[in-house]
N, C-alpha and C. Protein backbone atom coordinates (compact mmCIF):
# COMPACT_ATOMS: atom_id res chain seq x y z
N MET A 1 -29.30 -15.14 4.73
CA MET A 1 -27.97 -15.38 4.37
C MET A 1 -27.28 -15.98 5.80
N ARG A 2 -27.42 -15.34 7.08
CA ARG A 2 -26.98 -15.74 8.14
C ARG A 2 -27.74 -17.38 8.45
N THR A 3 -28.86 -17.70 8.05
CA THR A 3 -29.37 -19.09 8.16
C THR A 3 -28.56 -20.16 7.37
N VAL A 4 -28.45 -19.52 6.16
CA VAL A 4 -27.49 -20.69 5.44
C VAL A 4 -26.18 -20.93 5.75
N ILE A 5 -25.62 -20.03 6.09
CA ILE A 5 -24.10 -20.18 6.92
C ILE A 5 -24.40 -20.80 7.98
N LYS A 6 -25.19 -20.85 8.79
CA LYS A 6 -25.48 -21.70 10.11
C LYS A 6 -25.80 -23.14 9.69
N ILE A 7 -26.68 -23.04 8.74
CA ILE A 7 -27.07 -24.61 8.32
C ILE A 7 -25.65 -25.22 7.75
N LEU A 8 -25.01 -24.49 6.74
CA LEU A 8 -23.66 -25.26 6.41
C LEU A 8 -22.77 -25.64 7.54
N PHE A 9 -22.29 -24.92 8.46
CA PHE A 9 -22.06 -25.29 9.72
C PHE A 9 -22.25 -26.57 10.38
N LYS A 10 -23.66 -26.24 10.51
CA LYS A 10 -24.12 -27.53 10.92
C LYS A 10 -23.72 -29.10 10.08
N ILE A 11 -23.95 -29.05 8.72
CA ILE A 11 -23.47 -29.93 7.84
C ILE A 11 -22.13 -30.58 8.22
N ILE A 12 -21.20 -29.24 8.31
CA ILE A 12 -19.82 -29.65 8.53
C ILE A 12 -19.66 -30.21 10.01
N ALA A 13 -20.13 -30.20 10.84
CA ALA A 13 -20.03 -30.26 12.19
C ALA A 13 -20.57 -31.86 12.25
N ILE A 14 -21.50 -32.40 11.59
CA ILE A 14 -22.48 -33.59 11.86
C ILE A 14 -21.21 -34.94 11.69
N PRO A 15 -20.27 -34.86 10.86
CA PRO A 15 -19.31 -35.73 10.78
C PRO A 15 -18.37 -35.81 12.19
N PHE A 16 -18.20 -34.99 12.76
CA PHE A 16 -17.07 -34.85 13.90
C PHE A 16 -18.03 -35.18 14.97
N ILE A 17 -19.38 -35.59 15.15
CA ILE A 17 -20.03 -36.14 16.58
C ILE A 17 -19.83 -37.30 16.52
N PRO A 18 -19.61 -38.62 15.91
CA PRO A 18 -19.14 -39.83 16.24
C PRO A 18 -17.74 -39.99 16.49
N ALA A 19 -17.01 -39.17 15.37
CA ALA A 19 -15.62 -39.25 15.67
C ALA A 19 -15.11 -38.66 17.12
N LEU A 20 -15.59 -37.71 17.78
CA LEU A 20 -15.41 -37.30 19.03
C LEU A 20 -15.93 -38.11 20.07
N PHE A 21 -16.77 -38.96 19.97
CA PHE A 21 -17.49 -39.92 20.67
C PHE A 21 -16.63 -40.89 20.71
N ILE A 22 -16.16 -41.73 19.65
CA ILE A 22 -15.03 -42.70 19.52
C ILE A 22 -14.16 -42.41 20.20
N MET A 23 -13.48 -41.15 19.96
CA MET A 23 -12.30 -40.53 20.83
C MET A 23 -12.42 -40.64 22.28
N GLY A 24 -13.58 -40.06 22.55
CA GLY A 24 -13.68 -40.00 24.10
C GLY A 24 -13.96 -41.81 24.68
N MET A 25 -14.78 -42.48 23.86
CA MET A 25 -14.42 -43.94 24.38
C MET A 25 -13.32 -44.46 24.45
N ILE A 26 -12.33 -44.40 23.36
CA ILE A 26 -10.90 -45.06 23.55
C ILE A 26 -10.27 -44.21 24.48
N MET A 27 -10.25 -42.81 24.75
CA MET A 27 -9.57 -42.53 26.18
C MET A 27 -10.16 -42.93 27.30
N SER A 28 -11.56 -43.16 27.48
CA SER A 28 -12.30 -43.61 28.50
C SER A 28 -11.69 -45.29 28.85
N PHE A 29 -11.54 -45.83 27.82
CA PHE A 29 -10.74 -47.15 28.30
C PHE A 29 -9.43 -47.12 28.65
N PHE A 30 -8.75 -46.23 27.98
CA PHE A 30 -7.14 -46.21 28.31
C PHE A 30 -7.15 -45.68 29.84
N ALA A 31 -7.86 -44.83 30.16
CA ALA A 31 -8.30 -44.71 31.75
C ALA A 31 -8.58 -45.45 32.53
N TRP A 32 -9.35 -46.37 32.08
CA TRP A 32 -9.74 -47.78 32.90
C TRP A 32 -8.91 -48.50 33.00
N LEU A 33 -7.88 -48.56 31.71
CA LEU A 33 -7.05 -49.70 31.57
C LEU A 33 -5.73 -49.23 32.70
N SER A 34 -5.27 -48.04 32.39
CA SER A 34 -4.19 -47.47 32.94
C SER A 34 -4.63 -47.43 34.53
N GLY A 35 -5.79 -47.37 35.15
CA GLY A 35 -5.92 -47.49 36.31
C GLY A 35 -6.05 -48.56 36.93
N ARG A 36 -6.38 -49.68 36.21
CA ARG A 36 -6.40 -51.35 36.51
C ARG A 36 -4.96 -51.82 36.40
N LEU A 37 -4.38 -51.93 35.50
CA LEU A 37 -3.25 -52.53 35.17
C LEU A 37 -1.95 -51.69 35.64
N LEU A 38 -1.88 -50.38 35.50
CA LEU A 38 -0.63 -49.65 35.71
C LEU A 38 -0.65 -49.55 37.38
N ALA A 39 -1.76 -49.61 38.10
CA ALA A 39 -1.58 -49.59 39.85
C ALA A 39 -0.84 -50.61 39.99
N ILE A 40 -0.75 -51.58 39.48
CA ILE A 40 0.38 -52.81 39.83
C ILE A 40 1.80 -52.55 39.41
N VAL A 41 1.96 -51.94 38.36
CA VAL A 41 3.16 -51.71 37.83
C VAL A 41 3.62 -50.37 38.82
N SER A 42 2.97 -49.46 39.25
CA SER A 42 3.14 -48.53 40.15
C SER A 42 3.40 -48.85 41.45
N PHE A 43 2.90 -49.89 41.89
CA PHE A 43 2.99 -50.33 43.21
C PHE A 43 4.54 -51.07 43.16
N MET A 44 4.71 -51.88 42.25
CA MET A 44 6.24 -52.72 42.09
C MET A 44 7.13 -51.49 41.96
N LEU A 45 6.83 -50.60 41.52
CA LEU A 45 8.14 -49.62 41.15
C LEU A 45 8.33 -48.63 42.59
N GLY A 46 7.48 -48.36 42.98
CA GLY A 46 7.22 -47.80 44.47
C GLY A 46 8.18 -48.81 45.29
N ILE A 47 7.82 -49.94 45.45
CA ILE A 47 8.58 -50.95 46.34
C ILE A 47 9.84 -50.95 45.64
N GLY A 48 10.19 -50.91 44.59
CA GLY A 48 11.52 -51.13 44.11
C GLY A 48 12.48 -49.67 44.44
N GLY A 49 11.68 -48.59 44.21
CA GLY A 49 12.37 -47.41 44.32
C GLY A 49 12.94 -47.32 45.84
N LEU A 50 11.87 -47.82 46.59
CA LEU A 50 12.29 -47.78 48.18
C LEU A 50 13.29 -48.31 48.32
N ALA A 51 13.23 -49.48 48.04
CA ALA A 51 14.58 -50.72 48.34
C ALA A 51 15.90 -50.08 47.70
N VAL A 52 15.95 -49.54 46.74
CA VAL A 52 17.19 -48.87 45.72
C VAL A 52 17.37 -47.64 46.93
N MET A 53 16.37 -46.87 47.19
CA MET A 53 16.87 -45.76 48.19
C MET A 53 17.52 -46.38 49.68
N ILE A 54 17.02 -47.28 50.21
CA ILE A 54 17.61 -48.04 51.32
C ILE A 54 19.10 -48.69 51.00
N ASP A 55 18.99 -49.22 49.97
CA ASP A 55 20.50 -49.84 49.63
C ASP A 55 21.67 -48.33 49.60
N GLY A 56 21.11 -47.43 49.31
CA GLY A 56 22.18 -46.06 49.16
C GLY A 56 22.18 -45.35 47.94
N ASN A 57 21.41 -45.66 47.02
CA ASN A 57 21.45 -44.85 45.73
C ASN A 57 20.18 -44.07 45.72
N VAL A 58 20.37 -42.90 46.47
CA VAL A 58 19.21 -42.13 46.60
C VAL A 58 18.58 -41.65 45.32
N THR A 59 19.57 -40.93 44.29
CA THR A 59 19.19 -40.52 43.19
C THR A 59 18.30 -41.15 42.42
N ALA A 60 18.77 -42.65 42.07
CA ALA A 60 18.06 -43.73 41.46
C ALA A 60 16.72 -43.95 41.59
N GLY A 61 16.88 -43.66 43.18
CA GLY A 61 15.37 -44.42 44.20
C GLY A 61 14.34 -43.13 43.77
N ILE A 62 15.15 -41.77 43.73
CA ILE A 62 13.94 -41.00 43.41
C ILE A 62 13.73 -41.20 42.15
N GLY A 63 14.12 -41.53 41.08
CA GLY A 63 13.88 -41.35 39.70
C GLY A 63 12.86 -42.40 39.36
N ILE A 64 13.00 -43.55 40.17
CA ILE A 64 11.86 -44.75 40.17
C ILE A 64 10.77 -44.55 40.83
N LEU A 65 10.95 -43.58 41.88
CA LEU A 65 9.83 -43.24 42.51
C LEU A 65 8.96 -42.26 41.77
N ILE A 66 9.52 -41.51 40.95
CA ILE A 66 8.92 -40.28 39.91
C ILE A 66 8.52 -41.15 38.84
N MET A 67 8.77 -42.14 38.61
CA MET A 67 8.36 -43.27 37.52
C MET A 67 7.27 -43.97 38.11
N ALA A 68 7.08 -44.45 39.28
CA ALA A 68 5.57 -44.84 40.32
C ALA A 68 4.94 -43.77 40.03
N PHE A 69 4.88 -42.98 40.12
CA PHE A 69 4.04 -41.49 40.20
C PHE A 69 3.28 -41.38 38.70
N VAL A 70 4.24 -41.49 37.84
CA VAL A 70 3.51 -41.60 36.38
C VAL A 70 2.84 -42.69 36.30
N PHE A 71 3.19 -43.81 36.53
CA PHE A 71 2.26 -44.81 36.31
C PHE A 71 0.95 -44.85 37.04
N SER A 72 1.09 -43.99 38.42
CA SER A 72 0.06 -44.57 39.12
C SER A 72 -1.34 -43.73 38.81
N PRO A 73 -2.37 -43.93 39.23
CA PRO A 73 -3.79 -43.62 38.91
C PRO A 73 -3.77 -41.86 39.31
N PHE A 74 -2.80 -41.24 39.77
CA PHE A 74 -2.68 -39.93 39.72
C PHE A 74 -2.03 -39.42 38.39
N GLY A 75 -1.37 -40.37 37.77
CA GLY A 75 -0.52 -39.97 36.28
C GLY A 75 -1.18 -40.07 35.21
N ILE A 76 -0.74 -41.01 34.60
CA ILE A 76 -1.21 -41.50 33.02
C ILE A 76 -3.06 -41.43 33.25
N SER A 77 -3.54 -42.48 34.17
CA SER A 77 -5.01 -42.72 33.92
C SER A 77 -5.64 -41.30 34.31
N ALA A 78 -4.92 -40.16 35.24
CA ALA A 78 -5.81 -39.00 35.22
C ALA A 78 -5.75 -38.05 34.17
N PHE A 79 -4.53 -38.37 33.45
CA PHE A 79 -4.61 -37.19 32.10
C PHE A 79 -5.40 -38.00 31.03
N ALA A 80 -5.67 -39.42 31.20
CA ALA A 80 -6.62 -39.67 30.05
C ALA A 80 -7.84 -39.85 30.48
N GLU A 81 -8.30 -39.43 31.77
CA GLU A 81 -9.55 -39.31 31.91
C GLU A 81 -9.65 -38.05 31.88
N VAL A 82 -9.03 -36.75 31.76
CA VAL A 82 -9.39 -35.63 31.66
C VAL A 82 -9.38 -35.17 30.13
N ILE A 83 -8.76 -36.09 29.36
CA ILE A 83 -9.11 -36.15 27.84
C ILE A 83 -10.18 -36.65 27.63
N ALA A 84 -10.37 -37.51 27.79
CA ALA A 84 -11.85 -38.27 27.59
C ALA A 84 -13.09 -37.44 28.14
N ASN A 85 -12.86 -36.63 29.22
CA ASN A 85 -14.15 -35.57 29.35
C ASN A 85 -14.21 -34.33 28.65
N MET A 86 -12.82 -34.28 28.22
CA MET A 86 -12.68 -32.93 27.27
C MET A 86 -13.49 -33.22 25.90
N PHE A 87 -13.44 -34.64 25.36
CA PHE A 87 -14.14 -35.25 24.12
C PHE A 87 -15.46 -35.11 24.62
N HIS A 88 -15.62 -35.57 25.57
CA HIS A 88 -17.15 -35.84 25.72
C HIS A 88 -17.81 -34.55 25.80
N SER A 89 -17.18 -33.76 26.50
CA SER A 89 -18.05 -32.41 26.50
C SER A 89 -17.71 -31.74 25.18
N ILE A 90 -17.01 -31.58 24.31
CA ILE A 90 -16.89 -30.98 23.03
C ILE A 90 -17.90 -31.78 22.22
N ASN A 91 -17.97 -33.11 22.37
CA ASN A 91 -19.19 -33.86 21.63
C ASN A 91 -20.55 -33.25 22.13
N GLY A 92 -20.89 -32.97 23.43
CA GLY A 92 -22.01 -32.37 23.90
C GLY A 92 -22.55 -31.06 23.32
N SER A 93 -21.22 -30.23 23.30
CA SER A 93 -21.22 -28.93 22.50
C SER A 93 -22.09 -29.18 21.14
N LEU A 94 -21.52 -29.70 20.16
CA LEU A 94 -21.22 -29.95 18.95
C LEU A 94 -23.11 -30.64 18.74
N ILE A 95 -23.36 -31.39 19.56
CA ILE A 95 -24.72 -32.25 19.31
C ILE A 95 -25.71 -30.98 19.74
N ALA A 96 -25.41 -30.31 20.96
CA ALA A 96 -26.13 -29.05 21.01
C ALA A 96 -26.50 -28.18 19.85
N PHE A 97 -25.14 -27.73 19.20
CA PHE A 97 -24.87 -27.30 18.21
C PHE A 97 -25.93 -27.39 16.69
N VAL A 98 -25.76 -28.52 16.49
CA VAL A 98 -26.45 -29.46 15.38
C VAL A 98 -28.26 -29.34 15.76
N ALA A 99 -28.23 -29.66 17.09
CA ALA A 99 -29.48 -30.05 17.12
C ALA A 99 -30.45 -28.63 17.44
N GLY A 100 -29.70 -27.60 17.80
CA GLY A 100 -30.30 -26.58 18.46
C GLY A 100 -30.57 -25.21 17.14
């Protein structure tokens, strides 16, 4: 009985393997895209935030610098990379479960 339930769970898990692989690849692409393109946006926002702070509006400058951090490689792209690694890890676990 236990073997039948295990085989049933393996059959149910099989469609999730390509889905998790595709989701991991999409998130890896987003991490690459944000790491490349949004770094330029982050740099421009950082320069703009410093210019606004020098001009005298410190609170707006700090807000712009926070936006620059979110768009930097430490913000969105790092989050996308963590999510992509999570999808790849879960996918590997499912493959090990189905194959084992």
